[in-house]
Amino acid sequence: MIPKDPVILLSFVNLKLRDYYDSLEAMCEDMELDSGEITKKLEAMDYHYDKEKNQFV
């Protein structure tokens, strides 16, 4: 289960990406999450996934 609040979701996802996963795709596959849903929620706050940094910035 992932956080519903977008700000907490941002922190949660970036922590997981930084500490455990090499990419958003790898994280979503392992945790059985929809990357499109996560991306949409974070883009609504003007955060976008940066593949080089492997973070939402």
N, C-alpha and C. Protein backbone atom coordinates (compact mmCIF):
# COMPACT_ATOMS: atom_id res chain seq x y z
N MET A 1 0.84 -1.18 0.00
CA MET A 1 0.00 0.00 0.00
C MET A 1 0.89 1.24 0.00
N ILE A 2 0.57 2.16 -0.91
CA ILE A 2 1.34 3.39 -0.99
C ILE A 2 0.54 4.55 -0.43
N PRO A 3 1.22 5.60 0.01
CA PRO A 3 0.51 6.75 0.58
C PRO A 3 -0.44 7.40 -0.43
N LYS A 4 -1.57 7.87 0.05
CA LYS A 4 -2.55 8.55 -0.80
C LYS A 4 -2.22 10.04 -0.95
N ASP A 5 -1.70 10.64 0.11
CA ASP A 5 -1.36 12.06 0.08
C ASP A 5 -0.19 12.28 -0.90
N PRO A 6 -0.32 13.18 -1.87
CA PRO A 6 0.72 13.37 -2.89
C PRO A 6 2.08 13.77 -2.33
N VAL A 7 2.12 14.59 -1.31
CA VAL A 7 3.40 15.02 -0.73
C VAL A 7 4.11 13.84 -0.06
N ILE A 8 3.35 13.05 0.67
CA ILE A 8 3.92 11.87 1.33
C ILE A 8 4.30 10.83 0.28
N LEU A 9 3.50 10.72 -0.77
CA LEU A 9 3.82 9.81 -1.88
C LEU A 9 5.15 10.19 -2.52
N LEU A 10 5.38 11.48 -2.74
CA LEU A 10 6.64 11.95 -3.32
C LEU A 10 7.82 11.51 -2.46
N SER A 11 7.72 11.73 -1.17
CA SER A 11 8.79 11.34 -0.25
C SER A 11 9.00 9.83 -0.26
N PHE A 12 7.92 9.09 -0.21
CA PHE A 12 7.97 7.62 -0.20
C PHE A 12 8.64 7.09 -1.46
N VAL A 13 8.19 7.57 -2.62
CA VAL A 13 8.72 7.08 -3.89
C VAL A 13 10.19 7.44 -4.04
N ASN A 14 10.55 8.68 -3.74
CA ASN A 14 11.95 9.07 -3.88
C ASN A 14 12.86 8.31 -2.92
N LEU A 15 12.38 8.02 -1.72
CA LEU A 15 13.17 7.21 -0.79
C LEU A 15 13.39 5.81 -1.36
N LYS A 16 12.33 5.19 -1.85
CA LYS A 16 12.45 3.84 -2.42
C LYS A 16 13.39 3.84 -3.62
N LEU A 17 13.26 4.85 -4.48
CA LEU A 17 14.13 4.93 -5.66
C LEU A 17 15.58 5.13 -5.26
N ARG A 18 15.81 5.99 -4.29
CA ARG A 18 17.17 6.28 -3.85
C ARG A 18 17.82 5.07 -3.17
N ASP A 19 17.07 4.40 -2.31
CA ASP A 19 17.67 3.36 -1.47
C ASP A 19 17.56 1.93 -1.99
N TYR A 20 16.56 1.66 -2.85
CA TYR A 20 16.31 0.26 -3.19
C TYR A 20 16.21 -0.07 -4.67
N TYR A 21 15.93 0.88 -5.54
CA TYR A 21 15.64 0.54 -6.94
C TYR A 21 16.45 1.39 -7.92
N ASP A 22 16.78 0.77 -9.04
CA ASP A 22 17.54 1.45 -10.09
C ASP A 22 16.67 2.26 -11.03
N SER A 23 15.35 2.03 -10.99
CA SER A 23 14.46 2.75 -11.89
C SER A 23 13.03 2.71 -11.36
N LEU A 24 12.22 3.62 -11.87
CA LEU A 24 10.80 3.64 -11.52
C LEU A 24 10.13 2.36 -11.97
N GLU A 25 10.50 1.89 -13.14
CA GLU A 25 9.91 0.66 -13.67
C GLU A 25 10.22 -0.54 -12.78
N ALA A 26 11.47 -0.63 -12.31
CA ALA A 26 11.86 -1.74 -11.44
C ALA A 26 11.09 -1.70 -10.12
N MET A 27 10.94 -0.49 -9.57
CA MET A 27 10.19 -0.35 -8.32
C MET A 27 8.74 -0.77 -8.51
N CYS A 28 8.12 -0.28 -9.57
CA CYS A 28 6.70 -0.58 -9.80
C CYS A 28 6.49 -2.06 -10.07
N GLU A 29 7.39 -2.67 -10.81
CA GLU A 29 7.27 -4.11 -11.08
C GLU A 29 7.40 -4.91 -9.79
N ASP A 30 8.39 -4.58 -8.99
CA ASP A 30 8.63 -5.32 -7.75
C ASP A 30 7.50 -5.12 -6.74
N MET A 31 6.97 -3.90 -6.65
CA MET A 31 5.93 -3.59 -5.66
C MET A 31 4.52 -3.74 -6.23
N GLU A 32 4.43 -4.18 -7.49
CA GLU A 32 3.15 -4.36 -8.17
C GLU A 32 2.32 -3.07 -8.15
N LEU A 33 2.96 -1.98 -8.61
CA LEU A 33 2.33 -0.67 -8.66
C LEU A 33 2.16 -0.21 -10.10
N ASP A 34 1.28 0.72 -10.33
CA ASP A 34 1.05 1.29 -11.65
C ASP A 34 1.89 2.57 -11.77
N SER A 35 2.93 2.52 -12.60
CA SER A 35 3.81 3.69 -12.74
C SER A 35 3.06 4.88 -13.31
N GLY A 36 2.09 4.64 -14.16
CA GLY A 36 1.29 5.72 -14.74
C GLY A 36 0.50 6.46 -13.68
N GLU A 37 -0.05 5.74 -12.73
CA GLU A 37 -0.83 6.35 -11.65
C GLU A 37 0.07 7.20 -10.76
N ILE A 38 1.22 6.67 -10.41
CA ILE A 38 2.17 7.42 -9.58
C ILE A 38 2.64 8.67 -10.31
N THR A 39 3.02 8.51 -11.56
CA THR A 39 3.50 9.64 -12.36
C THR A 39 2.42 10.71 -12.47
N LYS A 40 1.19 10.31 -12.72
CA LYS A 40 0.09 11.27 -12.86
C LYS A 40 -0.11 12.07 -11.57
N LYS A 41 -0.10 11.38 -10.43
CA LYS A 41 -0.30 12.06 -9.15
C LYS A 41 0.82 13.05 -8.86
N LEU A 42 2.05 12.66 -9.17
CA LEU A 42 3.18 13.54 -8.87
C LEU A 42 3.30 14.67 -9.90
N GLU A 43 2.93 14.41 -11.14
CA GLU A 43 2.94 15.48 -12.14
C GLU A 43 1.91 16.55 -11.82
N ALA A 44 0.84 16.18 -11.13
CA ALA A 44 -0.16 17.16 -10.71
C ALA A 44 0.44 18.18 -9.74
N MET A 45 1.53 17.81 -9.08
CA MET A 45 2.24 18.73 -8.18
C MET A 45 3.47 19.32 -8.88
N ASP A 46 3.58 19.11 -10.18
CA ASP A 46 4.69 19.60 -11.00
C ASP A 46 6.01 18.90 -10.70
N TYR A 47 5.95 17.63 -10.34
CA TYR A 47 7.14 16.80 -10.18
C TYR A 47 7.16 15.80 -11.33
N HIS A 48 8.33 15.64 -11.92
CA HIS A 48 8.48 14.76 -13.08
C HIS A 48 9.65 13.81 -12.84
N TYR A 49 9.52 12.59 -13.34
CA TYR A 49 10.56 11.59 -13.14
C TYR A 49 11.76 11.91 -14.01
N ASP A 50 12.93 11.97 -13.39
CA ASP A 50 14.19 12.19 -14.08
C ASP A 50 14.95 10.87 -14.06
N LYS A 51 15.08 10.24 -15.23
CA LYS A 51 15.72 8.92 -15.30
C LYS A 51 17.18 8.97 -14.86
N GLU A 52 17.89 10.04 -15.22
CA GLU A 52 19.30 10.14 -14.86
C GLU A 52 19.49 10.23 -13.35
N LYS A 53 18.63 10.98 -12.69
CA LYS A 53 18.73 11.12 -11.23
C LYS A 53 17.97 10.02 -10.51
N ASN A 54 17.10 9.31 -11.24
CA ASN A 54 16.25 8.27 -10.68
C ASN A 54 15.43 8.82 -9.49
N GLN A 55 14.87 10.01 -9.73
CA GLN A 55 14.08 10.69 -8.70
C GLN A 55 13.01 11.52 -9.38
N PHE A 56 11.96 11.83 -8.64
CA PHE A 56 10.99 12.81 -9.09
C PHE A 56 11.51 14.17 -8.63
N VAL A 57 11.67 15.06 -9.57
CA VAL A 57 12.20 16.41 -9.27
C VAL A 57 11.28 17.48 -9.79
